[in-house]
Amino acid sequence: MTESKRYLCVDIGGTAVKTGLLTGNGEILTTREDPAPRGAEALLSLVENVAEKFSLEISNGQLGGKSDKIFHGGKFDVFHALCVSTAGIVDPWRGEILPDSGTAVGDYGGLPLRAELQKRAGLPVEVENDVNCALLGESWRGAARGFRNAACITVGTGIGGAFMIDGRLYRGTRFDAMEVGHIPFFPSNWENRASTQALACACAKLAGHFPTDSPPDLNGRLIVERAREGNKTALRAVDELCFYLAQGIATLFAVLAPDVFVVGGGIAQSQDLLRPRIDACLERTLAPRFREKIALRFAELGNSAGLVGALKHFMDMQKTGKRSMKEGEKS
């Protein structure tokens, strides 16, 4: 039964590596978060060390009772698979990070991540881009459940995107579709206007700091807290963020026309503050025929979306088969 299977899921970001133990139906048994290491070797060692910790806890009966064993010939037989969500441009068929991926990990581009993890863990491994995984997770167990055509953005220090057509991810010919943070927004791009980093810079500028300077203790979470307290500078910065977010969402909706548009990432936890402002901006921006159709939702899975989506990606690859999925995407 899938409920008794244990999947080790990893979500590799620029600032943190989230790890979770999930059952086959997407139930999260436990999670942990570690600072993202710098360098591929340090990252691989971190994943291996966390796997050892979880493996020991399972063997001791500490995590969700007994687990079915599958003997892969490795030291982590208590896991059925290792499912990876990662920042960067990913070739999911080869399980590699493409050479031109710009991530904070360092010496990460060109890494054959699946092969390296298989060698260390002795487990079946699948790898997919983190925003693609977020959309997979939300379409399986979250805000996009029941929709066949869905778009998703994750807003944090940058902005990433993913798009699903008829229930299948659209990756583009070079696996770099929906790199929406690079959409031009004069005089820069979208993520320099509407990310949490942009929020901090806008707040610092409004407070009288040098335009390109943001105090090290100023971050999106703190600004949102101050805005809720009624701080006028924080509220102006939040208003500016929502304006630019709405501009980008309106653009994407007009181009893609999805059934549902999911907003995720760190800002999804501030829906009460952001949603009314984004809706008001969309009301002024979108033509009536678009306003009537748009189903804008904030992510329901929070920081666990990547973990759940990594599991869904693994199960899809195993169920459908890599070759048939790849051929299907090209048709």
Protein backbone atom coordinates (compact mmCIF):
# COMPACT_ATOMS: atom_id res chain seq x y z
CA MET A 1 0.00 0.00 0.00
CA THR A 2 1.25 3.50 -0.85
CA GLU A 3 0.38 4.71 2.67
CA SER A 4 3.08 2.46 4.16
CA LYS A 5 5.75 3.55 1.70
CA ARG A 6 8.21 6.23 2.72
CA TYR A 7 9.58 8.73 0.22
CA LEU A 8 12.46 11.04 1.05
CA CYS A 9 11.71 14.39 -0.59
CA VAL A 10 14.16 17.28 -0.85
CA ASP A 11 13.52 20.89 -1.89
CA ILE A 12 16.78 22.70 -2.68
CA GLY A 13 16.54 26.49 -2.62
CA GLY A 14 19.01 29.32 -2.67
CA THR A 15 18.85 29.97 1.09
CA ALA A 16 17.52 26.71 2.57
CA VAL A 17 17.22 23.00 1.90
CA LYS A 18 13.90 21.55 3.07
CA THR A 19 13.64 17.81 3.57
CA GLY A 20 10.52 15.80 4.27
CA LEU A 21 9.40 12.23 4.75
CA LEU A 22 6.17 11.61 2.83
CA THR A 23 3.82 8.71 2.28
CA GLY A 24 2.71 7.72 -1.20
CA ASN A 25 -0.53 9.69 -0.90
CA GLY A 26 1.31 12.93 -0.16
CA GLU A 27 0.95 12.93 3.62
CA ILE A 28 3.89 14.66 5.29
CA LEU A 29 5.21 12.71 8.27
CA THR A 30 8.04 15.04 9.24
CA THR A 31 10.14 17.87 7.82
CA ARG A 32 13.31 19.71 8.61
CA GLU A 33 15.08 22.73 7.18
CA ASP A 34 18.81 23.40 6.90
CA PRO A 35 20.73 26.41 5.58
CA ALA A 36 21.65 25.88 1.94
CA PRO A 37 25.34 24.95 1.72
CA ARG A 38 27.68 26.51 -0.80
CA GLY A 39 29.04 24.05 -3.30
CA ALA A 40 27.75 20.87 -4.90
CA GLU A 41 29.77 18.53 -2.70
CA ALA A 42 28.49 20.13 0.49
CA LEU A 43 24.94 19.89 -0.83
CA LEU A 44 25.24 16.20 -1.68
CA SER A 45 26.72 15.50 1.75
CA LEU A 46 23.87 17.35 3.44
CA VAL A 47 21.24 15.27 1.63
CA GLU A 48 23.10 12.06 2.53
CA ASN A 49 23.38 13.08 6.19
CA VAL A 50 19.69 13.91 6.46
CA ALA A 51 18.81 10.61 4.79
CA GLU A 52 20.87 8.79 7.42
CA LYS A 53 19.04 10.62 10.22
CA PHE A 54 15.59 9.85 8.85
CA SER A 55 16.57 6.26 8.10
CA LEU A 56 17.64 5.71 11.68
CA GLU A 57 14.44 7.25 13.04
CA ILE A 58 12.32 5.03 10.79
CA SER A 59 14.24 1.94 11.84
CA ASN A 60 13.64 2.90 15.47
CA GLY A 61 9.92 3.28 14.82
CA GLN A 62 9.94 7.02 15.49
CA LEU A 63 8.41 8.18 12.20
CA GLY A 64 4.97 6.89 11.35
CA GLY A 65 5.33 3.28 12.32
CA LYS A 66 6.71 0.45 10.27
CA SER A 67 7.73 1.05 6.67
CA ASP A 68 7.69 -1.49 3.87
CA LYS A 69 11.23 -2.23 2.70
CA ILE A 70 12.33 -2.39 -0.88
CA PHE A 71 15.83 -3.74 -1.27
CA HIS A 72 17.54 -1.43 -3.71
CA GLY A 73 20.95 -2.72 -2.74
CA GLY A 74 21.81 0.53 -0.94
CA LYS A 75 21.98 1.59 2.69
CA PHE A 76 18.64 3.40 2.66
CA ASP A 77 16.23 0.54 2.00
CA VAL A 78 13.62 2.08 4.31
CA PHE A 79 12.97 4.67 1.57
CA HIS A 80 11.20 3.80 -1.64
CA ALA A 81 12.76 6.69 -3.52
CA LEU A 82 14.47 10.05 -3.34
CA CYS A 83 12.41 12.84 -4.90
CA VAL A 84 14.14 16.16 -5.58
CA SER A 85 12.86 19.66 -6.23
CA THR A 86 15.63 22.14 -6.97
CA ALA A 87 16.35 25.69 -7.99
CA GLY A 88 17.95 26.04 -11.39
CA ILE A 89 17.14 24.92 -14.91
CA VAL A 90 16.64 21.17 -14.84
CA ASP A 91 16.70 18.52 -17.54
CA PRO A 92 14.30 16.06 -15.87
CA TRP A 93 15.02 13.28 -18.37
CA ARG A 94 18.70 13.20 -17.46
CA GLY A 95 18.28 14.52 -13.94
CA GLU A 96 20.89 17.21 -14.56
CA ILE A 97 21.23 20.86 -13.65
CA LEU A 98 21.93 22.72 -16.88
CA PRO A 99 25.26 24.57 -17.12
CA ASP A 100 23.76 28.05 -17.42
CA SER A 101 21.68 27.75 -14.25
CA GLY A 102 22.26 30.69 -11.97
CA THR A 103 21.74 29.52 -8.37
CA ALA A 104 23.16 30.47 -5.01
CA VAL A 105 24.49 26.95 -4.39
CA GLY A 106 27.70 27.51 -6.35
CA ASP A 107 29.41 25.12 -8.85
CA TYR A 108 25.93 23.67 -9.37
CA GLY A 109 25.42 24.18 -13.09
CA GLY A 110 26.21 21.04 -15.08
CA LEU A 111 25.86 18.77 -12.04
CA PRO A 112 24.43 15.30 -12.86
CA LEU A 113 22.36 15.50 -9.69
CA ARG A 114 20.31 12.34 -10.16
CA ALA A 115 23.36 10.19 -10.93
CA GLU A 116 25.27 11.58 -7.95
CA LEU A 117 22.41 10.99 -5.53
CA GLN A 118 21.74 7.51 -6.90
CA LYS A 119 25.38 6.66 -6.36
CA ARG A 120 25.34 7.86 -2.76
CA ALA A 121 21.88 6.66 -1.71
CA GLY A 122 21.35 3.56 -3.86
CA LEU A 123 17.76 4.65 -4.48
CA PRO A 124 15.61 5.53 -7.48
CA VAL A 125 15.90 9.31 -7.93
CA GLU A 126 13.99 11.87 -9.98
CA VAL A 127 14.78 15.59 -10.22
CA GLU A 128 12.62 18.54 -11.30
CA ASN A 129 12.70 22.35 -11.15
CA ASP A 130 11.38 23.80 -7.89
CA VAL A 131 8.61 25.98 -9.32
CA ASN A 132 7.43 23.13 -11.55
CA CYS A 133 7.27 21.02 -8.40
CA ALA A 134 5.33 23.72 -6.57
CA LEU A 135 2.71 23.68 -9.33
CA LEU A 136 2.62 19.87 -9.37
CA GLY A 137 2.07 19.87 -5.62
CA GLU A 138 -0.70 22.47 -5.75
CA SER A 139 -2.42 20.70 -8.65
CA TRP A 140 -2.33 17.39 -6.77
CA ARG A 141 -3.09 18.42 -3.20
CA GLY A 142 -3.59 22.17 -3.15
CA ALA A 143 -5.04 25.31 -4.70
CA ALA A 144 -4.97 24.09 -8.34
CA ARG A 145 -6.57 20.72 -7.64
CA GLY A 146 -9.15 19.81 -10.26
CA PHE A 147 -7.84 22.23 -12.91
CA ARG A 148 -6.19 21.00 -16.11
CA ASN A 149 -4.67 24.29 -17.25
CA ALA A 150 -2.86 26.08 -14.45
CA ALA A 151 -0.20 28.73 -14.01
CA CYS A 152 1.87 29.34 -10.89
CA ILE A 153 4.35 31.92 -9.70
CA THR A 154 6.48 31.72 -6.59
CA VAL A 155 7.54 35.03 -5.12
CA GLY A 156 10.54 35.20 -2.82
CA THR A 157 13.93 36.81 -3.32
CA GLY A 158 13.18 36.26 -7.03
CA ILE A 159 10.13 35.26 -9.07
CA GLY A 160 9.75 31.88 -10.77
CA GLY A 161 6.94 30.49 -12.87
CA ALA A 162 5.40 27.25 -14.09
CA PHE A 163 2.61 26.39 -16.52
CA MET A 164 0.55 23.25 -17.00
CA ILE A 165 -1.40 22.47 -20.18
CA ASP A 166 -4.04 19.73 -20.02
CA GLY A 167 -2.50 18.41 -16.82
CA ARG A 168 1.07 18.30 -18.16
CA LEU A 169 3.93 20.67 -17.41
CA TYR A 170 5.11 22.84 -20.26
CA ARG A 171 8.90 23.10 -20.00
CA GLY A 172 9.91 24.66 -23.31
CA THR A 173 12.49 23.34 -25.75
CA ARG A 174 15.40 24.09 -23.39
CA PHE A 175 13.58 23.40 -20.10
CA ASP A 176 13.56 27.14 -19.32
CA ALA A 177 9.96 28.09 -20.05
CA MET A 178 8.25 30.41 -17.56
CA GLU A 179 11.42 32.14 -16.37
CA VAL A 180 9.00 34.95 -15.63
CA GLY A 181 11.26 36.91 -13.30
CA HIS A 182 13.16 38.04 -16.42
CA ILE A 183 10.11 39.59 -18.10
CA PRO A 184 11.14 43.20 -18.90
CA PHE A 185 9.64 45.83 -16.62
CA PHE A 186 11.28 49.12 -17.58
CA PRO A 187 13.97 49.91 -16.63
CA SER A 188 14.68 46.43 -15.24
CA ASN A 189 12.72 43.17 -14.96
CA TRP A 190 9.76 41.79 -13.03
CA GLU A 191 11.63 40.24 -10.11
CA ASN A 192 13.47 43.52 -9.55
CA ARG A 193 10.05 45.14 -9.18
CA ALA A 194 7.88 42.56 -7.42
CA SER A 195 10.01 40.18 -5.33
CA THR A 196 10.56 40.33 -1.58
CA GLN A 197 14.01 41.74 -2.30
CA ALA A 198 12.36 44.48 -4.37
CA LEU A 199 9.97 45.08 -1.46
CA ALA A 200 12.89 45.61 0.92
CA CYS A 201 14.63 47.96 -1.52
CA ALA A 202 11.42 49.96 -2.07
CA CYS A 203 10.84 50.29 1.66
CA ALA A 204 14.43 51.40 2.24
CA LYS A 205 14.15 53.99 -0.53
CA LEU A 206 10.87 55.34 0.85
CA ALA A 207 12.48 55.57 4.30
CA GLY A 208 15.25 57.77 2.89
CA HIS A 209 18.05 55.27 2.38
CA PHE A 210 20.25 55.33 -0.71
CA PRO A 211 18.07 53.97 -3.57
CA THR A 212 20.08 50.79 -4.09
CA ASP A 213 20.74 50.17 -0.40
CA SER A 214 18.64 47.91 1.80
CA PRO A 215 19.57 47.53 5.48
CA PRO A 216 20.60 43.93 6.25
CA ASP A 217 17.85 43.49 8.85
CA LEU A 218 15.14 44.69 6.47
CA ASN A 219 13.26 41.81 4.85
CA GLY A 220 9.85 40.98 3.46
CA ARG A 221 8.55 39.37 6.66
CA LEU A 222 9.48 42.40 8.78
CA ILE A 223 7.95 44.85 6.30
CA VAL A 224 4.68 42.88 6.22
CA GLU A 225 4.58 42.93 10.03
CA ARG A 226 5.11 46.69 10.06
CA ALA A 227 2.43 47.15 7.40
CA ARG A 228 -0.06 45.22 9.52
CA GLU A 229 0.79 47.56 12.40
CA GLY A 230 -0.09 50.54 10.19
CA ASN A 231 3.40 51.80 9.38
CA LYS A 232 2.89 54.19 6.46
CA THR A 233 6.25 53.53 4.81
CA ALA A 234 5.74 49.76 4.93
CA LEU A 235 2.20 50.12 3.58
CA ARG A 236 3.42 52.23 0.64
CA ALA A 237 6.07 49.60 -0.16
CA VAL A 238 3.46 46.82 0.00
CA ASP A 239 1.15 48.82 -2.27
CA GLU A 240 4.00 49.19 -4.79
CA LEU A 241 4.76 45.47 -4.62
CA CYS A 242 1.11 44.55 -5.24
CA PHE A 243 0.88 46.96 -8.16
CA TYR A 244 3.82 45.33 -9.94
CA LEU A 245 2.66 41.83 -9.04
CA ALA A 246 -0.73 42.57 -10.55
CA GLN A 247 0.86 43.99 -13.70
CA GLY A 248 2.80 40.75 -14.24
CA ILE A 249 -0.12 38.49 -13.35
CA ALA A 250 -2.36 40.38 -15.78
CA THR A 251 0.24 40.00 -18.53
CA LEU A 252 0.61 36.27 -17.95
CA PHE A 253 -3.11 35.71 -17.73
CA ALA A 254 -3.70 37.53 -21.01
CA VAL A 255 -1.05 35.38 -22.72
CA LEU A 256 -1.70 31.98 -21.13
CA ALA A 257 -5.42 32.12 -20.22
CA PRO A 258 -5.16 29.42 -17.52
CA ASP A 259 -8.13 28.03 -15.61
CA VAL A 260 -6.43 28.99 -12.35
CA PHE A 261 -3.48 31.17 -11.39
CA VAL A 262 -1.69 30.25 -8.16
CA VAL A 263 0.51 32.66 -6.22
CA GLY A 264 3.02 30.89 -3.99
CA GLY A 265 6.37 31.40 -2.31
CA GLY A 266 7.02 33.30 0.89
CA ILE A 267 4.37 35.94 0.21
CA ALA A 268 1.56 33.36 0.15
CA GLN A 269 1.54 33.52 3.95
CA SER A 270 0.45 37.18 3.72
CA GLN A 271 -2.68 36.64 1.65
CA ASP A 272 -4.85 38.71 4.01
CA LEU A 273 -2.70 41.79 3.37
CA LEU A 274 -1.82 41.29 -0.28
CA ARG A 275 -4.92 39.76 -1.87
CA PRO A 276 -7.24 42.81 -1.61
CA ARG A 277 -4.53 45.06 -3.05
CA ILE A 278 -3.72 42.71 -5.93
CA ASP A 279 -7.43 42.29 -6.70
CA ALA A 280 -7.92 46.06 -6.77
CA CYS A 281 -5.00 46.48 -9.18
CA LEU A 282 -6.29 43.70 -11.41
CA GLU A 283 -9.71 45.31 -11.45
CA ARG A 284 -8.13 48.46 -12.89
CA THR A 285 -5.76 46.61 -15.25
CA LEU A 286 -7.65 43.70 -16.81
CA ALA A 287 -10.35 44.00 -19.44
CA PRO A 288 -13.80 42.88 -18.17
CA ARG A 289 -13.74 39.60 -20.13
CA PHE A 290 -10.50 38.61 -18.38
CA ARG A 291 -11.65 39.75 -14.92
CA GLU A 292 -14.67 37.48 -15.18
CA LYS A 293 -12.56 34.44 -16.04
CA ILE A 294 -9.52 34.77 -13.79
CA ALA A 295 -9.39 32.39 -10.84
CA LEU A 296 -6.59 33.78 -8.70
CA ARG A 297 -5.67 31.65 -5.70
CA PHE A 298 -2.92 31.72 -3.15
CA ALA A 299 -0.98 28.49 -2.56
CA GLU A 300 -2.45 26.16 0.04
CA LEU A 301 0.57 23.92 0.70
CA GLY A 302 2.89 26.71 1.82
CA ASN A 303 6.55 25.77 2.05
CA SER A 304 5.66 22.11 1.55
CA ALA A 305 4.51 22.54 -2.06
CA GLY A 306 7.95 21.68 -3.47
CA LEU A 307 8.21 18.52 -1.37
CA VAL A 308 4.74 17.30 -2.36
CA GLY A 309 5.39 18.21 -5.99
CA ALA A 310 8.72 16.37 -6.03
CA LEU A 311 6.88 13.24 -4.95
CA LYS A 312 4.20 13.76 -7.61
CA HIS A 313 6.88 14.21 -10.27
CA PHE A 314 8.56 10.95 -9.21
CA MET A 315 5.29 9.04 -9.30
CA ASP A 316 4.39 10.49 -12.72
CA MET A 317 7.77 9.52 -14.17
CA GLN A 318 7.52 6.01 -12.79
CA LYS A 319 3.90 5.51 -13.79
CA THR A 320 4.02 6.92 -17.30
CA GLY A 321 7.64 6.15 -18.16
CA LYS A 322 10.30 8.70 -19.04
CA ARG A 323 10.31 7.89 -22.75
CA SER A 324 6.57 8.14 -23.29
CA MET A 325 6.36 11.37 -21.27
CA LYS A 326 9.15 12.95 -23.25
CA GLU A 327 7.62 11.98 -26.57
CA GLY A 328 4.23 13.19 -25.41
CA GLU A 329 5.59 16.63 -24.61
CA LYS A 330 7.06 16.99 -28.07
CA SER A 331 3.81 16.11 -29.84
